[in-house]
Amino acid sequence: MKKVPLKYLKDNFAALTAAAAQGELIGVTKYHKPYIVIAPASENQASSLKPRHPNSLQPVLKKSLKNNVALRYLLEGREDRF
């Protein structure tokens, strides 16, 4: 397991997460004490990140936008998205 300080994780996040995705465990320390461990996702965890249904996210405010002038202006040209 590779151990790195939290500051190093912040500065090199992409490289460290890529290494974790390849199977390497990354131990992160904070004030020289163990803080978190970054590990690759298992198949069960990875499948839970996929959307369950392609249209599962629906706009919440669609009906209330019709009467609001400012929001109608923002929606101009975007009708096809809703």
N, C-alpha and C. Protein backbone atom coordinates (compact mmCIF):
# COMPACT_ATOMS: atom_id res chain seq x y z
N MET A 1 0.85 -1.17 0.00
CA MET A 1 0.00 0.00 0.00
C MET A 1 0.90 1.23 0.00
N LYS A 2 0.57 2.13 -0.91
CA LYS A 2 1.28 3.39 -0.99
C LYS A 2 0.67 4.37 0.01
N LYS A 3 1.50 5.06 0.79
CA LYS A 3 1.00 6.03 1.77
C LYS A 3 1.39 7.43 1.32
N VAL A 4 0.41 8.33 1.33
CA VAL A 4 0.64 9.71 0.92
C VAL A 4 -0.08 10.66 1.88
N PRO A 5 0.45 11.86 2.09
CA PRO A 5 -0.26 12.85 2.90
C PRO A 5 -1.46 13.43 2.14
N LEU A 6 -2.40 13.96 2.87
CA LEU A 6 -3.62 14.52 2.29
C LEU A 6 -3.30 15.62 1.27
N LYS A 7 -2.32 16.44 1.55
CA LYS A 7 -1.93 17.51 0.62
C LYS A 7 -1.50 16.92 -0.72
N TYR A 8 -0.75 15.83 -0.69
CA TYR A 8 -0.31 15.18 -1.93
C TYR A 8 -1.51 14.63 -2.70
N LEU A 9 -2.49 14.09 -1.97
CA LEU A 9 -3.71 13.60 -2.62
C LEU A 9 -4.42 14.74 -3.34
N LYS A 10 -4.52 15.88 -2.69
CA LYS A 10 -5.19 17.03 -3.31
C LYS A 10 -4.46 17.48 -4.58
N ASP A 11 -3.14 17.47 -4.54
CA ASP A 11 -2.36 17.93 -5.68
C ASP A 11 -2.27 16.92 -6.82
N ASN A 12 -2.43 15.63 -6.51
CA ASN A 12 -2.25 14.56 -7.50
C ASN A 12 -3.45 13.61 -7.54
N PHE A 13 -4.63 14.17 -7.40
CA PHE A 13 -5.84 13.35 -7.28
C PHE A 13 -6.04 12.43 -8.48
N ALA A 14 -5.89 12.95 -9.69
CA ALA A 14 -6.14 12.15 -10.90
C ALA A 14 -5.19 10.96 -10.98
N ALA A 15 -3.93 11.19 -10.73
CA ALA A 15 -2.93 10.11 -10.82
C ALA A 15 -3.18 9.05 -9.75
N LEU A 16 -3.51 9.48 -8.54
CA LEU A 16 -3.73 8.52 -7.45
C LEU A 16 -5.01 7.72 -7.66
N THR A 17 -6.05 8.35 -8.13
CA THR A 17 -7.29 7.59 -8.38
C THR A 17 -7.11 6.64 -9.56
N ALA A 18 -6.31 7.01 -10.53
CA ALA A 18 -6.02 6.10 -11.65
C ALA A 18 -5.25 4.89 -11.15
N ALA A 19 -4.30 5.11 -10.24
CA ALA A 19 -3.55 3.99 -9.67
C ALA A 19 -4.47 3.08 -8.86
N ALA A 20 -5.40 3.68 -8.11
CA ALA A 20 -6.35 2.89 -7.34
C ALA A 20 -7.26 2.09 -8.26
N ALA A 21 -7.66 2.67 -9.36
CA ALA A 21 -8.51 1.96 -10.32
C ALA A 21 -7.79 0.75 -10.92
N GLN A 22 -6.46 0.80 -10.97
CA GLN A 22 -5.67 -0.31 -11.49
C GLN A 22 -5.41 -1.37 -10.42
N GLY A 23 -5.91 -1.15 -9.21
CA GLY A 23 -5.79 -2.16 -8.16
C GLY A 23 -4.90 -1.80 -7.00
N GLU A 24 -4.23 -0.67 -7.05
CA GLU A 24 -3.33 -0.27 -5.96
C GLU A 24 -4.13 0.36 -4.82
N LEU A 25 -3.75 0.02 -3.60
CA LEU A 25 -4.35 0.65 -2.42
C LEU A 25 -3.55 1.89 -2.09
N ILE A 26 -4.25 2.98 -1.81
CA ILE A 26 -3.61 4.25 -1.47
C ILE A 26 -4.04 4.62 -0.05
N GLY A 27 -3.08 4.66 0.87
CA GLY A 27 -3.35 5.09 2.23
C GLY A 27 -3.07 6.58 2.35
N VAL A 28 -4.03 7.32 2.84
CA VAL A 28 -3.88 8.78 2.97
C VAL A 28 -3.75 9.11 4.45
N THR A 29 -2.76 9.94 4.76
CA THR A 29 -2.55 10.36 6.15
C THR A 29 -2.91 11.83 6.32
N LYS A 30 -3.31 12.15 7.53
CA LYS A 30 -3.61 13.54 7.90
C LYS A 30 -2.91 13.78 9.24
N TYR A 31 -2.03 14.75 9.26
CA TYR A 31 -1.21 15.02 10.45
C TYR A 31 -0.44 13.77 10.87
N HIS A 32 0.08 13.04 9.89
CA HIS A 32 0.92 11.86 10.07
C HIS A 32 0.16 10.67 10.68
N LYS A 33 -1.17 10.71 10.67
CA LYS A 33 -1.97 9.61 11.18
C LYS A 33 -2.84 9.07 10.04
N PRO A 34 -3.11 7.76 10.03
CA PRO A 34 -3.97 7.21 8.98
C PRO A 34 -5.32 7.93 8.94
N TYR A 35 -5.75 8.28 7.73
CA TYR A 35 -6.99 9.05 7.57
C TYR A 35 -8.01 8.27 6.75
N ILE A 36 -7.67 7.94 5.50
CA ILE A 36 -8.56 7.14 4.65
C ILE A 36 -7.71 6.20 3.79
N VAL A 37 -8.40 5.22 3.20
CA VAL A 37 -7.76 4.33 2.23
C VAL A 37 -8.58 4.40 0.94
N ILE A 38 -7.91 4.61 -0.16
CA ILE A 38 -8.57 4.63 -1.47
C ILE A 38 -8.28 3.27 -2.11
N ALA A 39 -9.35 2.58 -2.48
CA ALA A 39 -9.22 1.24 -3.05
C ALA A 39 -10.07 1.14 -4.30
N PRO A 40 -9.76 0.20 -5.18
CA PRO A 40 -10.59 0.02 -6.37
C PRO A 40 -11.98 -0.48 -5.98
N ALA A 41 -12.96 -0.10 -6.77
CA ALA A 41 -14.34 -0.52 -6.51
C ALA A 41 -14.52 -1.98 -6.92
N SER A 42 -15.32 -2.70 -6.15
CA SER A 42 -15.65 -4.07 -6.54
C SER A 42 -16.73 -4.01 -7.62
N GLU A 43 -17.04 -5.15 -8.22
CA GLU A 43 -18.07 -5.19 -9.26
C GLU A 43 -19.41 -4.73 -8.72
N ASN A 44 -19.76 -5.12 -7.49
CA ASN A 44 -21.04 -4.70 -6.89
C ASN A 44 -21.08 -3.19 -6.69
N GLN A 45 -19.99 -2.62 -6.23
CA GLN A 45 -19.95 -1.18 -6.02
C GLN A 45 -20.00 -0.44 -7.35
N ALA A 46 -19.30 -0.93 -8.34
CA ALA A 46 -19.28 -0.26 -9.64
C ALA A 46 -20.65 -0.31 -10.29
N SER A 47 -21.37 -1.40 -10.14
CA SER A 47 -22.69 -1.49 -10.77
C SER A 47 -23.69 -0.56 -10.09
N SER A 48 -23.47 -0.23 -8.82
CA SER A 48 -24.39 0.68 -8.14
C SER A 48 -24.21 2.12 -8.60
N LEU A 49 -23.11 2.42 -9.30
CA LEU A 49 -22.89 3.77 -9.81
C LEU A 49 -23.58 4.02 -11.13
N LYS A 50 -24.01 2.97 -11.81
CA LYS A 50 -24.68 3.12 -13.10
C LYS A 50 -26.12 3.56 -12.87
N PRO A 51 -26.67 4.43 -13.74
CA PRO A 51 -28.07 4.81 -13.60
C PRO A 51 -28.97 3.60 -13.78
N ARG A 52 -29.99 3.51 -12.98
CA ARG A 52 -30.90 2.37 -13.05
C ARG A 52 -31.80 2.45 -14.28
N HIS A 53 -32.15 3.64 -14.68
CA HIS A 53 -33.02 3.83 -15.83
C HIS A 53 -32.53 5.07 -16.57
N PRO A 54 -32.44 5.04 -17.89
CA PRO A 54 -31.88 6.19 -18.61
C PRO A 54 -32.65 7.49 -18.37
N ASN A 55 -33.92 7.43 -18.08
CA ASN A 55 -34.72 8.64 -17.84
C ASN A 55 -35.10 8.77 -16.38
N SER A 56 -34.22 8.29 -15.49
CA SER A 56 -34.58 8.29 -14.07
C SER A 56 -34.55 9.69 -13.45
N LEU A 57 -33.83 10.62 -14.05
CA LEU A 57 -33.79 11.99 -13.53
C LEU A 57 -34.79 12.84 -14.28
N GLN A 58 -35.76 13.36 -13.58
CA GLN A 58 -36.79 14.19 -14.18
C GLN A 58 -36.71 15.59 -13.58
N PRO A 59 -36.99 16.62 -14.37
CA PRO A 59 -36.98 17.98 -13.81
C PRO A 59 -38.07 18.13 -12.75
N VAL A 60 -37.72 18.76 -11.66
CA VAL A 60 -38.64 18.92 -10.55
C VAL A 60 -39.53 20.14 -10.76
N LEU A 61 -39.01 21.20 -11.35
CA LEU A 61 -39.72 22.46 -11.44
C LEU A 61 -40.43 22.68 -12.78
N LYS A 62 -40.56 21.70 -13.61
CA LYS A 62 -41.09 21.89 -14.95
C LYS A 62 -42.45 22.60 -14.95
N LYS A 63 -43.36 22.18 -14.11
CA LYS A 63 -44.70 22.77 -14.10
C LYS A 63 -44.70 24.20 -13.56
N SER A 64 -43.88 24.48 -12.54
CA SER A 64 -43.88 25.81 -11.94
C SER A 64 -43.14 26.84 -12.78
N LEU A 65 -42.40 26.43 -13.79
CA LEU A 65 -41.65 27.37 -14.62
C LEU A 65 -42.54 28.13 -15.60
N LYS A 66 -43.70 27.62 -15.90
CA LYS A 66 -44.56 28.22 -16.92
C LYS A 66 -44.96 29.65 -16.59
N ASN A 67 -45.19 29.98 -15.32
CA ASN A 67 -45.69 31.30 -14.95
C ASN A 67 -44.60 32.27 -14.49
N ASN A 68 -43.39 31.85 -14.39
CA ASN A 68 -42.32 32.69 -13.89
C ASN A 68 -41.56 33.30 -15.08
N VAL A 69 -41.59 34.63 -15.20
CA VAL A 69 -41.00 35.32 -16.34
C VAL A 69 -39.48 35.11 -16.40
N ALA A 70 -38.79 35.27 -15.27
CA ALA A 70 -37.33 35.13 -15.26
C ALA A 70 -36.92 33.71 -15.64
N LEU A 71 -37.60 32.74 -15.10
CA LEU A 71 -37.26 31.36 -15.43
C LEU A 71 -37.66 31.01 -16.86
N ARG A 72 -38.74 31.61 -17.36
CA ARG A 72 -39.13 31.39 -18.76
C ARG A 72 -38.04 31.91 -19.69
N TYR A 73 -37.45 33.05 -19.33
CA TYR A 73 -36.36 33.62 -20.11
C TYR A 73 -35.16 32.68 -20.14
N LEU A 74 -34.84 32.08 -18.99
CA LEU A 74 -33.73 31.14 -18.92
C LEU A 74 -33.99 29.88 -19.74
N LEU A 75 -35.26 29.52 -19.86
CA LEU A 75 -35.61 28.30 -20.60
C LEU A 75 -35.69 28.53 -22.10
N GLU A 76 -35.63 29.76 -22.54
CA GLU A 76 -35.74 30.05 -23.96
C GLU A 76 -34.74 29.23 -24.79
N GLY A 77 -35.22 28.54 -25.76
CA GLY A 77 -34.36 27.74 -26.62
C GLY A 77 -33.96 26.40 -26.01
N ARG A 78 -34.50 26.07 -24.86
CA ARG A 78 -34.13 24.82 -24.20
C ARG A 78 -35.34 23.91 -24.01
N GLU A 79 -36.44 24.18 -24.68
CA GLU A 79 -37.65 23.40 -24.50
C GLU A 79 -37.43 21.93 -24.77
N ASP A 80 -36.56 21.63 -25.71
CA ASP A 80 -36.33 20.23 -26.08
C ASP A 80 -35.64 19.44 -24.97
N ARG A 81 -35.06 20.11 -23.99
CA ARG A 81 -34.39 19.42 -22.90
C ARG A 81 -35.37 18.95 -21.84
N PHE A 82 -36.54 19.53 -21.80
CA PHE A 82 -37.51 19.16 -20.76
C PHE A 82 -38.61 18.40 -21.35
